Amino acid sequence: STDNNFPMIIPYSWYKVNRFSLLNQKYLVSVAPVISESEKSLPNNQDADVFTKQEFFDFLDSCEKKGVHGVLIQEEGRNTEYKKILSCVNEYRNSFSR
């Protein structure tokens, strides 16, 4: 990635444990969020990127602070999380325009 203009894609599971030294690197974080309103209703799935809504917002804030080039958001299942993800992303983006 240092020899071209294309960013690396880092899975969220590696990003959250700082698996790479990414100083002066262009990279995207790939995440398949499962978002819940509260911790009580979080699914117990170690393979999924599970967040409360606030934890997801904190993750997006940390990406911005660390200079992440972008966040690639995808779904874990078949259209099961799409509306929740879209709603959270819109709410997050709208919080900047207030």
N, C-alpha and C. Protein backbone atom coordinates (compact mmCIF):
# COMPACT_ATOMS: atom_id res chain seq x y z
N SER A 1 0.81 -1.20 0.00
CA SER A 1 0.00 0.00 0.00
C SER A 1 0.86 1.26 0.00
N THR A 2 2.08 1.20 0.46
CA THR A 2 2.93 2.38 0.49
C THR A 2 3.40 2.79 -0.89
N ASP A 3 3.32 1.87 -1.88
CA ASP A 3 3.82 2.16 -3.22
C ASP A 3 2.73 2.65 -4.16
N ASN A 4 1.49 2.71 -3.71
CA ASN A 4 0.43 3.18 -4.59
C ASN A 4 -0.56 4.05 -3.81
N ASN A 5 -1.57 4.50 -4.51
CA ASN A 5 -2.55 5.39 -3.89
C ASN A 5 -3.77 4.67 -3.34
N PHE A 6 -3.80 3.36 -3.40
CA PHE A 6 -4.94 2.61 -2.94
C PHE A 6 -4.78 2.25 -1.47
N PRO A 7 -5.80 2.51 -0.66
CA PRO A 7 -5.69 2.17 0.76
C PRO A 7 -5.82 0.66 0.99
N MET A 8 -5.19 0.20 2.06
CA MET A 8 -5.37 -1.18 2.50
C MET A 8 -6.74 -1.30 3.14
N ILE A 9 -7.29 -2.51 3.15
CA ILE A 9 -8.53 -2.77 3.85
C ILE A 9 -8.20 -3.64 5.05
N ILE A 10 -8.50 -3.14 6.24
CA ILE A 10 -8.19 -3.83 7.49
C ILE A 10 -9.52 -4.30 8.11
N PRO A 11 -9.65 -5.58 8.44
CA PRO A 11 -10.87 -6.02 9.12
C PRO A 11 -10.98 -5.38 10.51
N TYR A 12 -12.20 -5.09 10.92
CA TYR A 12 -12.43 -4.48 12.22
C TYR A 12 -11.80 -5.29 13.35
N SER A 13 -11.86 -6.61 13.26
CA SER A 13 -11.31 -7.45 14.33
C SER A 13 -9.81 -7.21 14.51
N TRP A 14 -9.11 -6.87 13.45
CA TRP A 14 -7.67 -6.57 13.55
C TRP A 14 -7.45 -5.13 13.98
N TYR A 15 -8.31 -4.23 13.50
CA TYR A 15 -8.21 -2.82 13.86
C TYR A 15 -8.36 -2.63 15.37
N LYS A 16 -9.36 -3.31 15.97
CA LYS A 16 -9.65 -3.08 17.38
C LYS A 16 -8.57 -3.60 18.32
N VAL A 17 -7.70 -4.50 17.85
CA VAL A 17 -6.61 -5.00 18.69
C VAL A 17 -5.25 -4.45 18.23
N ASN A 18 -5.29 -3.42 17.36
CA ASN A 18 -4.05 -2.79 16.87
C ASN A 18 -3.05 -3.81 16.33
N ARG A 19 -3.52 -4.69 15.47
CA ARG A 19 -2.67 -5.75 14.94
C ARG A 19 -1.56 -5.21 14.03
N PHE A 20 -1.75 -4.05 13.45
CA PHE A 20 -0.78 -3.48 12.53
C PHE A 20 -0.27 -2.14 13.03
N SER A 21 0.94 -1.81 12.63
CA SER A 21 1.44 -0.45 12.82
C SER A 21 1.05 0.30 11.55
N LEU A 22 0.12 1.22 11.67
CA LEU A 22 -0.45 1.85 10.49
C LEU A 22 -0.10 3.33 10.36
N LEU A 23 0.98 3.73 10.99
CA LEU A 23 1.41 5.12 10.87
C LEU A 23 1.74 5.44 9.42
N ASN A 24 1.28 6.58 8.97
CA ASN A 24 1.54 7.06 7.61
C ASN A 24 1.05 6.10 6.53
N GLN A 25 0.02 5.33 6.83
CA GLN A 25 -0.56 4.40 5.86
C GLN A 25 -1.99 4.84 5.55
N LYS A 26 -2.41 4.66 4.30
CA LYS A 26 -3.80 4.87 3.92
C LYS A 26 -4.52 3.55 4.12
N TYR A 27 -5.59 3.56 4.92
CA TYR A 27 -6.32 2.31 5.09
C TYR A 27 -7.80 2.55 5.37
N LEU A 28 -8.59 1.56 5.01
CA LEU A 28 -10.01 1.52 5.30
C LEU A 28 -10.22 0.45 6.36
N VAL A 29 -11.24 0.61 7.16
CA VAL A 29 -11.63 -0.43 8.11
C VAL A 29 -12.92 -1.04 7.60
N SER A 30 -12.92 -2.35 7.45
CA SER A 30 -14.09 -3.09 7.02
C SER A 30 -14.82 -3.62 8.25
N VAL A 31 -16.10 -3.31 8.36
CA VAL A 31 -16.88 -3.71 9.54
C VAL A 31 -18.26 -4.19 9.10
N ALA A 32 -18.74 -5.24 9.76
CA ALA A 32 -20.09 -5.75 9.53
C ALA A 32 -20.84 -5.62 10.86
N PRO A 33 -21.32 -4.41 11.17
CA PRO A 33 -21.88 -4.18 12.50
C PRO A 33 -23.23 -4.85 12.73
N VAL A 34 -23.38 -5.35 13.94
CA VAL A 34 -24.67 -5.76 14.47
C VAL A 34 -24.91 -4.77 15.60
N ILE A 35 -25.93 -3.93 15.45
CA ILE A 35 -26.12 -2.79 16.35
C ILE A 35 -27.38 -3.00 17.19
N SER A 36 -27.23 -2.76 18.48
CA SER A 36 -28.33 -2.89 19.42
C SER A 36 -28.47 -1.59 20.20
N GLU A 37 -29.66 -1.31 20.66
CA GLU A 37 -29.91 -0.09 21.44
C GLU A 37 -29.24 -0.16 22.81
N SER A 38 -29.16 -1.37 23.40
CA SER A 38 -28.60 -1.49 24.73
C SER A 38 -27.76 -2.76 24.84
N GLU A 39 -26.91 -2.80 25.86
CA GLU A 39 -26.06 -3.97 26.07
C GLU A 39 -26.88 -5.21 26.42
N LYS A 40 -28.01 -5.04 27.06
CA LYS A 40 -28.83 -6.17 27.47
C LYS A 40 -29.32 -6.98 26.27
N SER A 41 -29.51 -6.33 25.15
CA SER A 41 -30.04 -7.04 23.98
C SER A 41 -28.99 -7.37 22.94
N LEU A 42 -27.71 -7.26 23.30
CA LEU A 42 -26.65 -7.60 22.36
C LEU A 42 -26.59 -9.11 22.14
N PRO A 43 -26.46 -9.54 20.88
CA PRO A 43 -26.32 -10.97 20.62
C PRO A 43 -24.95 -11.45 21.09
N ASN A 44 -24.87 -12.69 21.47
CA ASN A 44 -23.60 -13.27 21.92
C ASN A 44 -22.98 -14.02 20.74
N ASN A 45 -22.37 -13.29 19.84
CA ASN A 45 -21.77 -13.88 18.64
C ASN A 45 -20.36 -13.34 18.49
N GLN A 46 -19.38 -14.18 18.72
CA GLN A 46 -17.99 -13.74 18.68
C GLN A 46 -17.49 -13.45 17.27
N ASP A 47 -18.17 -13.97 16.24
CA ASP A 47 -17.74 -13.74 14.86
C ASP A 47 -18.27 -12.43 14.31
N ALA A 48 -19.27 -11.85 14.97
CA ALA A 48 -19.87 -10.62 14.47
C ALA A 48 -19.23 -9.41 15.14
N ASP A 49 -19.31 -8.27 14.47
CA ASP A 49 -18.83 -7.00 15.02
C ASP A 49 -20.01 -6.37 15.76
N VAL A 50 -20.17 -6.73 17.02
CA VAL A 50 -21.34 -6.36 17.81
C VAL A 50 -21.08 -5.05 18.56
N PHE A 51 -22.03 -4.11 18.44
CA PHE A 51 -21.93 -2.79 19.05
C PHE A 51 -23.26 -2.40 19.65
N THR A 52 -23.23 -1.59 20.71
CA THR A 52 -24.40 -0.78 21.02
C THR A 52 -24.32 0.40 20.06
N LYS A 53 -25.39 1.16 19.97
CA LYS A 53 -25.36 2.32 19.07
C LYS A 53 -24.26 3.29 19.49
N GLN A 54 -24.11 3.53 20.79
CA GLN A 54 -23.07 4.46 21.26
C GLN A 54 -21.67 3.92 20.97
N GLU A 55 -21.46 2.62 21.13
CA GLU A 55 -20.16 2.03 20.82
C GLU A 55 -19.83 2.17 19.34
N PHE A 56 -20.84 2.04 18.48
CA PHE A 56 -20.63 2.23 17.05
C PHE A 56 -20.25 3.67 16.74
N PHE A 57 -20.94 4.62 17.38
CA PHE A 57 -20.59 6.03 17.20
C PHE A 57 -19.17 6.29 17.70
N ASP A 58 -18.79 5.71 18.83
CA ASP A 58 -17.44 5.87 19.36
C ASP A 58 -16.40 5.29 18.41
N PHE A 59 -16.72 4.15 17.79
CA PHE A 59 -15.82 3.55 16.79
C PHE A 59 -15.63 4.50 15.61
N LEU A 60 -16.72 5.07 15.10
CA LEU A 60 -16.61 6.01 13.98
C LEU A 60 -15.79 7.24 14.38
N ASP A 61 -16.00 7.74 15.60
CA ASP A 61 -15.20 8.87 16.09
C ASP A 61 -13.72 8.51 16.15
N SER A 62 -13.40 7.30 16.64
CA SER A 62 -12.00 6.89 16.76
C SER A 62 -11.35 6.76 15.38
N CYS A 63 -12.12 6.31 14.40
CA CYS A 63 -11.59 6.22 13.03
C CYS A 63 -11.21 7.60 12.52
N GLU A 64 -12.08 8.57 12.77
CA GLU A 64 -11.79 9.93 12.33
C GLU A 64 -10.55 10.48 13.02
N LYS A 65 -10.45 10.26 14.33
CA LYS A 65 -9.30 10.76 15.09
C LYS A 65 -7.99 10.12 14.66
N LYS A 66 -8.06 8.85 14.25
CA LYS A 66 -6.85 8.13 13.84
C LYS A 66 -6.50 8.34 12.38
N GLY A 67 -7.33 9.10 11.67
CA GLY A 67 -7.05 9.39 10.27
C GLY A 67 -7.35 8.24 9.32
N VAL A 68 -8.29 7.38 9.70
CA VAL A 68 -8.70 6.28 8.83
C VAL A 68 -9.25 6.88 7.54
N HIS A 69 -8.82 6.34 6.41
CA HIS A 69 -9.21 6.87 5.10
C HIS A 69 -10.71 6.67 4.82
N GLY A 70 -11.31 5.64 5.40
CA GLY A 70 -12.73 5.38 5.22
C GLY A 70 -13.15 4.14 5.98
N VAL A 71 -14.44 3.95 6.08
CA VAL A 71 -15.01 2.77 6.74
C VAL A 71 -15.91 2.07 5.73
N LEU A 72 -15.60 0.81 5.47
CA LEU A 72 -16.40 -0.01 4.57
C LEU A 72 -17.39 -0.78 5.42
N ILE A 73 -18.67 -0.44 5.31
CA ILE A 73 -19.70 -1.05 6.13
C ILE A 73 -20.45 -2.08 5.29
N GLN A 74 -20.55 -3.28 5.86
CA GLN A 74 -21.27 -4.35 5.18
C GLN A 74 -22.16 -5.05 6.19
N GLU A 75 -23.02 -5.93 5.70
CA GLU A 75 -23.93 -6.64 6.58
C GLU A 75 -23.39 -8.02 6.90
N GLU A 76 -23.69 -8.47 8.10
CA GLU A 76 -23.34 -9.83 8.52
C GLU A 76 -24.28 -10.84 7.88
N GLY A 77 -25.56 -10.50 7.80
CA GLY A 77 -26.55 -11.43 7.26
C GLY A 77 -27.21 -10.89 6.01
N ARG A 78 -28.33 -11.45 5.68
CA ARG A 78 -29.06 -11.04 4.47
C ARG A 78 -30.12 -10.00 4.80
N ASN A 79 -29.76 -8.75 4.66
CA ASN A 79 -30.68 -7.63 4.88
C ASN A 79 -31.30 -7.61 6.28
N THR A 80 -30.68 -8.26 7.23
CA THR A 80 -31.23 -8.26 8.58
C THR A 80 -30.83 -7.01 9.35
N GLU A 81 -29.70 -6.46 9.05
CA GLU A 81 -29.20 -5.30 9.78
C GLU A 81 -29.24 -4.01 8.96
N TYR A 82 -29.59 -4.10 7.70
CA TYR A 82 -29.50 -2.96 6.80
C TYR A 82 -30.19 -1.71 7.34
N LYS A 83 -31.43 -1.84 7.78
CA LYS A 83 -32.19 -0.67 8.25
C LYS A 83 -31.57 -0.08 9.52
N LYS A 84 -31.11 -0.94 10.43
CA LYS A 84 -30.47 -0.44 11.65
C LYS A 84 -29.16 0.27 11.32
N ILE A 85 -28.36 -0.33 10.44
CA ILE A 85 -27.09 0.29 10.06
C ILE A 85 -27.33 1.63 9.39
N LEU A 86 -28.24 1.67 8.44
CA LEU A 86 -28.55 2.91 7.72
C LEU A 86 -29.05 3.98 8.68
N SER A 87 -29.93 3.61 9.59
CA SER A 87 -30.46 4.55 10.57
C SER A 87 -29.35 5.11 11.45
N CYS A 88 -28.46 4.25 11.92
CA CYS A 88 -27.36 4.70 12.78
C CYS A 88 -26.38 5.60 12.03
N VAL A 89 -26.05 5.23 10.81
CA VAL A 89 -25.13 6.06 10.01
C VAL A 89 -25.76 7.42 9.75
N ASN A 90 -27.05 7.45 9.40
CA ASN A 90 -27.72 8.73 9.18
C ASN A 90 -27.77 9.57 10.45
N GLU A 91 -28.06 8.93 11.58
CA GLU A 91 -28.09 9.66 12.85
C GLU A 91 -26.71 10.22 13.18
N TYR A 92 -25.66 9.43 12.95
CA TYR A 92 -24.30 9.87 13.20
C TYR A 92 -23.94 11.06 12.31
N ARG A 93 -24.24 10.95 11.03
CA ARG A 93 -23.93 12.04 10.09
C ARG A 93 -24.72 13.31 10.42
N ASN A 94 -25.99 13.13 10.79
CA ASN A 94 -26.82 14.29 11.12
C ASN A 94 -26.37 14.99 12.38
N SER A 95 -25.70 14.27 13.27
CA SER A 95 -25.23 14.90 14.51
C SER A 95 -24.16 15.96 14.23
N PHE A 96 -23.51 15.89 13.06
CA PHE A 96 -22.51 16.90 12.71
C PHE A 96 -23.12 18.14 12.10
N SER A 97 -24.32 18.01 11.57
CA SER A 97 -24.94 19.16 10.91
C SER A 97 -25.77 20.01 11.87
N ARG A 98 -25.82 19.60 13.14
CA ARG A 98 -26.59 20.38 14.12
C ARG A 98 -25.79 21.50 14.68
